[in-house]
Amino acid sequence: MHATPALGPSAATAGRATPAVGPAAGVTAPGRGQATASSLRSLAIDVAVPLGTYYLMRDAFGLSLWLSLALSSVVPVIRSVFAAVAQRRLNVLAVLMLAVNIAGIGISFWTGDPRMMIAKDSVVSSVIALAILGSVALRRPLMTEGLKVFVTRGSADRAAAWDRLAAASPRFRRLELTFSAIWGTALLADCVARLVGAFTLPVTTMVWLGTVMLLGAIGLAIMAGGLAVGPMEKLIEDETR
């Protein structure tokens, strides 16, 4: 079995002179926006459904932490097995959510110590950060799925331009990798900071400061990520012309 991540742009086979879609081809692409809809659907199933299930089981039904995580792992397990067996590929998002849940289940057994419970969130989040950085090292950036939806804005022409650039432009590919690297680094720094704070600062302080740290890391990643997004949008605009 070969592992082909579910994320990342597909290799374009058409050159600049003969784009696969767009007015120049003289064809209206059937199901315009289908690629965007597919990306959003994948994000919803692989990320939103497991997270929603966890919070529903934990907050609405009052189940234990480990049982809530176990139940929220059902969809990622099914998606991972289906992709591996039926499609012979690796569904990265589903596997990532499953890994996060497994880490959370293991940590949930460390009870009785409020500092350990605060540190739990940092350890679980570090799985995501390390997965993103690992995907950069493998040149299969994990943030591509959401980034492509944001940059192409539902336009079939822009999506086609993305695919062509991803296949033929080293600069575009570097920017794509840089974006994921920025997010992975910011989230990992947040995890380390919260882990240190959990064992050095008063518990009452970390109860609220941990959330502030996480929001700060996300805000920093958004701003720093703009250094890659801006040039990528310019390249796509030039390509679509």
C-alpha atoms as a PDB file:
ATOM      1  CA  MET A   1       0.000   0.000   0.000  1.00  0.00           C
ATOM      2  CA  HIS A   2       1.322   3.425  -0.825  1.00  0.00           C
ATOM      3  CA  ALA A   3       0.562   6.308   1.533  1.00  0.00           C
ATOM      4  CA  THR A   4      -0.844   9.221  -0.413  1.00  0.00           C
ATOM      5  CA  PRO A   5      -2.006  11.957   1.985  1.00  0.00           C
ATOM      6  CA  ALA A   6      -5.523  13.210   1.548  1.00  0.00           C
ATOM      7  CA  LEU A   7      -4.233  16.751   1.809  1.00  0.00           C
ATOM      8  CA  GLY A   8      -2.253  18.847  -0.642  1.00  0.00           C
ATOM      9  CA  PRO A   9      -2.806  20.021  -4.168  1.00  0.00           C
ATOM     10  CA  SER A  10      -3.151  17.445  -6.888  1.00  0.00           C
ATOM     11  CA  ALA A  11      -0.525  17.456  -9.593  1.00  0.00           C
ATOM     12  CA  ALA A  12      -1.624  19.454 -12.591  1.00  0.00           C
ATOM     13  CA  THR A  13      -1.255  17.877 -15.988  1.00  0.00           C
ATOM     14  CA  ALA A  14      -2.147  20.885 -18.080  1.00  0.00           C
ATOM     15  CA  GLY A  15       0.369  23.618 -18.859  1.00  0.00           C
ATOM     16  CA  ARG A  16      -0.080  27.344 -18.800  1.00  0.00           C
ATOM     17  CA  ALA A  17      -1.052  27.483 -22.477  1.00  0.00           C
ATOM     18  CA  THR A  18      -3.848  24.953 -22.116  1.00  0.00           C
ATOM     19  CA  PRO A  19      -5.483  25.386 -18.713  1.00  0.00           C
ATOM     20  CA  ALA A  20      -7.889  22.641 -17.732  1.00  0.00           C
ATOM     21  CA  VAL A  21     -10.655  25.059 -16.811  1.00  0.00           C
ATOM     22  CA  GLY A  22     -11.609  28.647 -17.409  1.00  0.00           C
ATOM     23  CA  PRO A  23     -12.911  30.806 -20.198  1.00  0.00           C
ATOM     24  CA  ALA A  24      -9.823  30.238 -22.348  1.00  0.00           C
ATOM     25  CA  ALA A  25     -10.720  26.569 -22.622  1.00  0.00           C
ATOM     26  CA  GLY A  26     -14.103  27.471 -23.988  1.00  0.00           C
ATOM     27  CA  VAL A  27     -15.760  25.151 -21.493  1.00  0.00           C
ATOM     28  CA  THR A  28     -17.755  25.824 -18.389  1.00  0.00           C
ATOM     29  CA  ALA A  29     -16.396  23.375 -15.844  1.00  0.00           C
ATOM     30  CA  PRO A  30     -19.187  21.097 -14.613  1.00  0.00           C
ATOM     31  CA  GLY A  31     -19.907  21.440 -10.954  1.00  0.00           C
ATOM     32  CA  ARG A  32     -18.024  24.708 -10.557  1.00  0.00           C
ATOM     33  CA  GLY A  33     -16.803  24.969  -6.988  1.00  0.00           C
ATOM     34  CA  GLN A  34     -16.931  21.201  -6.432  1.00  0.00           C
ATOM     35  CA  ALA A  35     -13.304  21.142  -5.343  1.00  0.00           C
ATOM     36  CA  THR A  36     -14.006  23.763  -2.679  1.00  0.00           C
ATOM     37  CA  ALA A  37     -17.117  21.925  -1.518  1.00  0.00           C
ATOM     38  CA  SER A  38     -15.119  18.692  -1.310  1.00  0.00           C
ATOM     39  CA  SER A  39     -12.404  20.366   0.770  1.00  0.00           C
ATOM     40  CA  LEU A  40     -14.922  21.892   3.167  1.00  0.00           C
ATOM     41  CA  ARG A  41     -16.757  18.578   3.449  1.00  0.00           C
ATOM     42  CA  SER A  42     -13.499  16.808   4.304  1.00  0.00           C
ATOM     43  CA  LEU A  43     -12.668  19.380   6.976  1.00  0.00           C
ATOM     44  CA  ALA A  44     -16.171  19.058   8.444  1.00  0.00           C
ATOM     45  CA  ILE A  45     -16.131  15.264   8.586  1.00  0.00           C
ATOM     46  CA  ASP A  46     -12.541  14.810   9.741  1.00  0.00           C
ATOM     47  CA  VAL A  47     -12.299  17.720  12.196  1.00  0.00           C
ATOM     48  CA  ALA A  48     -15.660  19.287  13.043  1.00  0.00           C
ATOM     49  CA  VAL A  49     -17.564  16.024  13.581  1.00  0.00           C
ATOM     50  CA  PRO A  50     -15.030  14.495  16.020  1.00  0.00           C
ATOM     51  CA  LEU A  51     -14.695  17.758  17.953  1.00  0.00           C
ATOM     52  CA  GLY A  52     -18.468  18.265  18.030  1.00  0.00           C
ATOM     53  CA  THR A  53     -18.987  14.694  19.232  1.00  0.00           C
ATOM     54  CA  TYR A  54     -16.431  15.167  22.005  1.00  0.00           C
ATOM     55  CA  TYR A  55     -18.006  18.352  23.358  1.00  0.00           C
ATOM     56  CA  LEU A  56     -21.516  16.930  23.026  1.00  0.00           C
ATOM     57  CA  MET A  57     -20.616  13.795  24.971  1.00  0.00           C
ATOM     58  CA  ARG A  58     -18.537  15.689  27.532  1.00  0.00           C
ATOM     59  CA  ASP A  59     -20.677  18.766  28.176  1.00  0.00           C
ATOM     60  CA  ALA A  60     -24.215  17.808  27.158  1.00  0.00           C
ATOM     61  CA  PHE A  61     -24.267  14.204  28.385  1.00  0.00           C
ATOM     62  CA  GLY A  62     -21.659  14.506  31.130  1.00  0.00           C
ATOM     63  CA  LEU A  63     -19.606  11.485  30.077  1.00  0.00           C
ATOM     64  CA  SER A  64     -16.051  10.997  31.312  1.00  0.00           C
ATOM     65  CA  LEU A  65     -13.139  12.509  29.446  1.00  0.00           C
ATOM     66  CA  TRP A  66     -11.783   9.207  28.124  1.00  0.00           C
ATOM     67  CA  LEU A  67     -15.224   7.916  27.076  1.00  0.00           C
ATOM     68  CA  SER A  68     -16.005  11.186  25.268  1.00  0.00           C
ATOM     69  CA  LEU A  69     -12.686  10.958  23.426  1.00  0.00           C
ATOM     70  CA  ALA A  70     -13.286   7.298  22.606  1.00  0.00           C
ATOM     71  CA  LEU A  71     -16.714   8.009  21.109  1.00  0.00           C
ATOM     72  CA  SER A  72     -15.385  10.980  19.142  1.00  0.00           C
ATOM     73  CA  SER A  73     -12.755   8.648  17.643  1.00  0.00           C
ATOM     74  CA  VAL A  74     -15.351   6.493  15.878  1.00  0.00           C
ATOM     75  CA  VAL A  75     -15.557   8.650  12.736  1.00  0.00           C
ATOM     76  CA  PRO A  76     -11.764   9.098  12.375  1.00  0.00           C
ATOM     77  CA  VAL A  77     -11.306   5.331  12.745  1.00  0.00           C
ATOM     78  CA  ILE A  78     -13.895   4.584  10.053  1.00  0.00           C
ATOM     79  CA  ARG A  79     -12.473   7.230   7.731  1.00  0.00           C
ATOM     80  CA  SER A  80      -8.884   6.018   8.242  1.00  0.00           C
ATOM     81  CA  VAL A  81      -9.751   2.367   7.644  1.00  0.00           C
ATOM     82  CA  PHE A  82     -11.895   3.169   4.602  1.00  0.00           C
ATOM     83  CA  ALA A  83      -9.149   5.295   3.024  1.00  0.00           C
ATOM     84  CA  ALA A  84      -6.509   2.626   3.703  1.00  0.00           C
ATOM     85  CA  VAL A  85      -8.530  -0.379   2.533  1.00  0.00           C
ATOM     86  CA  ALA A  86     -10.893   0.921  -0.155  1.00  0.00           C
ATOM     87  CA  GLN A  87      -8.885   3.847  -1.568  1.00  0.00           C
ATOM     88  CA  ARG A  88      -5.357   2.647  -0.673  1.00  0.00           C
ATOM     89  CA  ARG A  89      -4.281   6.024   0.656  1.00  0.00           C
ATOM     90  CA  LEU A  90      -3.688   7.753   3.978  1.00  0.00           C
ATOM     91  CA  ASN A  91      -6.347  10.202   5.214  1.00  0.00           C
ATOM     92  CA  VAL A  92      -4.032  12.539   7.122  1.00  0.00           C
ATOM     93  CA  LEU A  93      -6.715  14.599   8.859  1.00  0.00           C
ATOM     94  CA  ALA A  94      -8.583  11.545  10.111  1.00  0.00           C
ATOM     95  CA  VAL A  95      -5.379   9.901  11.348  1.00  0.00           C
ATOM     96  CA  LEU A  96      -4.302  13.142  13.041  1.00  0.00           C
ATOM     97  CA  MET A  97      -7.596  13.497  14.919  1.00  0.00           C
ATOM     98  CA  LEU A  98      -7.349   9.847  15.949  1.00  0.00           C
ATOM     99  CA  ALA A  99      -3.800  10.393  17.248  1.00  0.00           C
ATOM    100  CA  VAL A 100      -4.922  13.451  19.227  1.00  0.00           C
ATOM    101  CA  ASN A 101      -7.782  11.478  20.764  1.00  0.00           C
ATOM    102  CA  ILE A 102      -5.534   8.552  21.667  1.00  0.00           C
ATOM    103  CA  ALA A 103      -3.081  10.932  23.335  1.00  0.00           C
ATOM    104  CA  GLY A 104      -5.963  12.539  25.211  1.00  0.00           C
ATOM    105  CA  ILE A 105      -7.284   9.174  26.384  1.00  0.00           C
ATOM    106  CA  GLY A 106      -3.868   8.237  27.735  1.00  0.00           C
ATOM    107  CA  ILE A 107      -3.428  11.541  29.540  1.00  0.00           C
ATOM    108  CA  SER A 108      -6.980  11.443  30.935  1.00  0.00           C
ATOM    109  CA  PHE A 109      -5.905   8.682  33.325  1.00  0.00           C
ATOM    110  CA  TRP A 110      -3.514  11.095  35.041  1.00  0.00           C
ATOM    111  CA  THR A 111      -6.071  12.375  37.502  1.00  0.00           C
ATOM    112  CA  GLY A 112      -5.892  13.995  40.903  1.00  0.00           C
ATOM    113  CA  ASP A 113      -3.236  16.567  40.035  1.00  0.00           C
ATOM    114  CA  PRO A 114      -4.676  19.904  38.838  1.00  0.00           C
ATOM    115  CA  ARG A 115      -1.351  20.870  37.274  1.00  0.00           C
ATOM    116  CA  MET A 116      -1.308  17.670  35.256  1.00  0.00           C
ATOM    117  CA  MET A 117      -4.837  18.332  34.034  1.00  0.00           C
ATOM    118  CA  ILE A 118      -3.752  21.796  32.875  1.00  0.00           C
ATOM    119  CA  ALA A 119      -0.686  20.314  31.185  1.00  0.00           C
ATOM    120  CA  LYS A 120      -2.930  17.762  29.433  1.00  0.00           C
ATOM    121  CA  ASP A 121      -4.215  20.318  26.920  1.00  0.00           C
ATOM    122  CA  SER A 122      -0.663  21.325  26.048  1.00  0.00           C
ATOM    123  CA  VAL A 123       0.463  17.747  25.472  1.00  0.00           C
ATOM    124  CA  VAL A 124      -2.547  16.918  23.299  1.00  0.00           C
ATOM    125  CA  SER A 125      -2.121  20.115  21.275  1.00  0.00           C
ATOM    126  CA  SER A 126       1.541  19.327  20.714  1.00  0.00           C
ATOM    127  CA  VAL A 127       0.451  16.287  18.691  1.00  0.00           C
ATOM    128  CA  ILE A 128      -1.161  18.666  16.184  1.00  0.00           C
ATOM    129  CA  ALA A 129       1.864  20.989  16.111  1.00  0.00           C
ATOM    130  CA  LEU A 130       4.314  18.133  15.565  1.00  0.00           C
ATOM    131  CA  ALA A 131       2.077  16.616  12.885  1.00  0.00           C
ATOM    132  CA  ILE A 132       2.053  19.924  10.991  1.00  0.00           C
ATOM    133  CA  LEU A 133       5.832  20.287  11.225  1.00  0.00           C
ATOM    134  CA  GLY A 134       6.262  16.656  10.222  1.00  0.00           C
ATOM    135  CA  SER A 135       4.107  17.221   7.158  1.00  0.00           C
ATOM    136  CA  VAL A 136       6.398  20.104   6.171  1.00  0.00           C
ATOM    137  CA  ALA A 137       9.430  17.844   6.445  1.00  0.00           C
ATOM    138  CA  LEU A 138       7.651  15.309   4.224  1.00  0.00           C
ATOM    139  CA  ARG A 139       6.704  18.120   1.809  1.00  0.00           C
ATOM    140  CA  ARG A 140       3.007  17.318   2.267  1.00  0.00           C
ATOM    141  CA  PRO A 141       1.951  20.446   4.213  1.00  0.00           C
ATOM    142  CA  LEU A 142      -0.994  19.693   6.454  1.00  0.00           C
ATOM    143  CA  MET A 143      -2.400  23.237   6.324  1.00  0.00           C
ATOM    144  CA  THR A 144      -2.832  23.108   2.548  1.00  0.00           C
ATOM    145  CA  GLU A 145      -6.457  21.947   2.639  1.00  0.00           C
ATOM    146  CA  GLY A 146      -7.747  24.985   4.525  1.00  0.00           C
ATOM    147  CA  LEU A 147      -5.263  27.362   2.891  1.00  0.00           C
ATOM    148  CA  LYS A 148      -6.337  26.386  -0.622  1.00  0.00           C
ATOM    149  CA  VAL A 149      -9.997  26.997   0.209  1.00  0.00           C
ATOM    150  CA  PHE A 150      -9.125  30.435   1.620  1.00  0.00           C
ATOM    151  CA  VAL A 151      -6.861  31.535  -1.229  1.00  0.00           C
ATOM    152  CA  THR A 152      -8.918  30.215  -4.172  1.00  0.00           C
ATOM    153  CA  ARG A 153     -12.200  31.615  -2.735  1.00  0.00           C
ATOM    154  CA  GLY A 154     -14.366  29.025  -4.427  1.00  0.00           C
ATOM    155  CA  SER A 155     -13.155  29.968  -7.913  1.00  0.00           C
ATOM    156  CA  ALA A 156     -12.499  27.075 -10.298  1.00  0.00           C
ATOM    157  CA  ASP A 157     -10.042  29.262 -12.249  1.00  0.00           C
ATOM    158  CA  ARG A 158      -8.052  30.094  -9.105  1.00  0.00           C
ATOM    159  CA  ALA A 159      -8.127  26.451  -8.006  1.00  0.00           C
ATOM    160  CA  ALA A 160      -6.743  25.409 -11.393  1.00  0.00           C
ATOM    161  CA  ALA A 161      -4.069  28.120 -11.126  1.00  0.00           C
ATOM    162  CA  TRP A 162      -3.163  26.796  -7.657  1.00  0.00           C
ATOM    163  CA  ASP A 163      -2.705  23.280  -9.045  1.00  0.00           C
ATOM    164  CA  ARG A 164      -0.527  24.483 -11.921  1.00  0.00           C
ATOM    165  CA  LEU A 165       1.668  26.576  -9.633  1.00  0.00           C
ATOM    166  CA  ALA A 166       1.964  23.795  -7.065  1.00  0.00           C
ATOM    167  CA  ALA A 167       3.188  21.477  -9.810  1.00  0.00           C
ATOM    168  CA  ALA A 168       5.511  23.873 -11.646  1.00  0.00           C
ATOM    169  CA  SER A 169       6.540  26.768  -9.365  1.00  0.00           C
ATOM    170  CA  PRO A 170       9.264  26.109  -6.750  1.00  0.00           C
ATOM    171  CA  ARG A 171       8.565  29.511  -5.177  1.00  0.00           C
ATOM    172  CA  PHE A 172       4.862  28.757  -4.762  1.00  0.00           C
ATOM    173  CA  ARG A 173       5.657  25.399  -3.214  1.00  0.00           C
ATOM    174  CA  ARG A 174       8.118  27.021  -0.782  1.00  0.00           C
ATOM    175  CA  LEU A 175       5.469  29.528   0.282  1.00  0.00           C
ATOM    176  CA  GLU A 176       2.983  26.699   0.793  1.00  0.00           C
ATOM    177  CA  LEU A 177       5.469  24.872   3.022  1.00  0.00           C
ATOM    178  CA  THR A 178       6.329  28.097   4.841  1.00  0.00           C
ATOM    179  CA  PHE A 179       2.688  28.688   5.765  1.00  0.00           C
ATOM    180  CA  SER A 180       2.400  25.287   7.441  1.00  0.00           C
ATOM    181  CA  ALA A 181       5.798  25.739   9.107  1.00  0.00           C
ATOM    182  CA  ILE A 182       4.639  29.033  10.615  1.00  0.00           C
ATOM    183  CA  TRP A 183       1.498  27.467  12.064  1.00  0.00           C
ATOM    184  CA  GLY A 184       3.319  24.398  13.362  1.00  0.00           C
ATOM    185  CA  THR A 185       6.005  26.512  15.029  1.00  0.00           C
ATOM    186  CA  ALA A 186       3.490  28.894  16.625  1.00  0.00           C
ATOM    187  CA  LEU A 187       1.379  26.044  18.013  1.00  0.00           C
ATOM    188  CA  LEU A 188       4.427  24.167  19.290  1.00  0.00           C
ATOM    189  CA  ALA A 189       5.713  27.306  21.030  1.00  0.00           C
ATOM    190  CA  ASP A 190       2.297  27.705  22.656  1.00  0.00           C
ATOM    191  CA  CYS A 191       2.385  24.080  23.835  1.00  0.00           C
ATOM    192  CA  VAL A 192       5.828  24.514  25.391  1.00  0.00           C
ATOM    193  CA  ALA A 193       4.852  27.794  27.068  1.00  0.00           C
ATOM    194  CA  ARG A 194       1.674  26.324  28.537  1.00  0.00           C
ATOM    195  CA  LEU A 195       3.494  23.200  29.703  1.00  0.00           C
ATOM    196  CA  VAL A 196       6.110  25.296  31.503  1.00  0.00           C
ATOM    197  CA  GLY A 197       3.416  27.532  32.971  1.00  0.00           C
ATOM    198  CA  ALA A 198       1.424  24.546  34.235  1.00  0.00           C
ATOM    199  CA  PHE A 199       4.286  23.561  36.564  1.00  0.00           C
ATOM    200  CA  THR A 200       5.745  26.971  37.447  1.00  0.00           C
ATOM    201  CA  LEU A 201       2.797  29.370  37.758  1.00  0.00           C
ATOM    202  CA  PRO A 202      -0.127  29.237  40.211  1.00  0.00           C
ATOM    203  CA  VAL A 203      -2.935  26.952  39.061  1.00  0.00           C
ATOM    204  CA  THR A 204      -5.462  29.782  39.340  1.00  0.00           C
ATOM    205  CA  THR A 205      -3.351  31.847  36.946  1.00  0.00           C
ATOM    206  CA  MET A 206      -2.934  29.119  34.336  1.00  0.00           C
ATOM    207  CA  VAL A 207      -6.668  28.412  34.286  1.00  0.00           C
ATOM    208  CA  TRP A 208      -7.169  31.637  32.307  1.00  0.00           C
ATOM    209  CA  LEU A 209      -3.639  32.282  31.035  1.00  0.00           C
ATOM    210  CA  GLY A 210      -3.569  29.011  29.095  1.00  0.00           C
ATOM    211  CA  THR A 211      -6.467  30.180  26.938  1.00  0.00           C
ATOM    212  CA  VAL A 212      -4.819  33.572  26.422  1.00  0.00           C
ATOM    213  CA  MET A 213      -1.616  31.848  25.310  1.00  0.00           C
ATOM    214  CA  LEU A 214      -3.466  29.691  22.804  1.00  0.00           C
ATOM    215  CA  LEU A 215      -5.384  32.633  21.327  1.00  0.00           C
ATOM    216  CA  GLY A 216      -2.161  34.625  21.166  1.00  0.00           C
ATOM    217  CA  ALA A 217      -0.413  31.827  19.281  1.00  0.00           C
ATOM    218  CA  ILE A 218      -3.275  31.579  16.800  1.00  0.00           C
ATOM    219  CA  GLY A 219      -3.265  35.359  16.282  1.00  0.00           C
ATOM    220  CA  LEU A 220       0.490  35.346  15.760  1.00  0.00           C
ATOM    221  CA  ALA A 221       0.213  32.485  13.271  1.00  0.00           C
ATOM    222  CA  ILE A 222      -2.467  34.350  11.321  1.00  0.00           C
ATOM    223  CA  MET A 223      -0.362  37.508  11.098  1.00  0.00           C
ATOM    224  CA  ALA A 224       2.895  35.721  10.313  1.00  0.00           C
ATOM    225  CA  GLY A 225       1.130  33.427   7.863  1.00  0.00           C
ATOM    226  CA  GLY A 226       0.203  36.499   5.846  1.00  0.00           C
ATOM    227  CA  LEU A 227       3.865  36.702   4.813  1.00  0.00           C
ATOM    228  CA  ALA A 228       3.258  33.558   2.771  1.00  0.00           C
ATOM    229  CA  VAL A 229      -0.388  34.072   1.828  1.00  0.00           C
ATOM    230  CA  GLY A 230       0.156  37.497   0.234  1.00  0.00           C
ATOM    231  CA  PRO A 231       2.766  36.356  -2.309  1.00  0.00           C
ATOM    232  CA  MET A 232       0.761  33.193  -3.037  1.00  0.00           C
ATOM    233  CA  GLU A 233      -2.334  35.234  -3.882  1.00  0.00           C
ATOM    234  CA  LYS A 234      -0.247  37.466  -6.153  1.00  0.00           C
ATOM    235  CA  LEU A 235       1.150  34.437  -7.989  1.00  0.00           C
ATOM    236  CA  ILE A 236      -2.346  33.010  -8.433  1.00  0.00           C
ATOM    237  CA  GLU A 237      -3.685  36.337  -9.743  1.00  0.00           C
ATOM    238  CA  ASP A 238      -0.845  36.507 -12.261  1.00  0.00           C
ATOM    239  CA  GLU A 239      -1.440  32.897 -13.276  1.00  0.00           C
ATOM    240  CA  THR A 240      -5.161  33.383 -13.857  1.00  0.00           C
ATOM    241  CA  ARG A 241      -4.414  36.274 -16.229  1.00  0.00           C
END
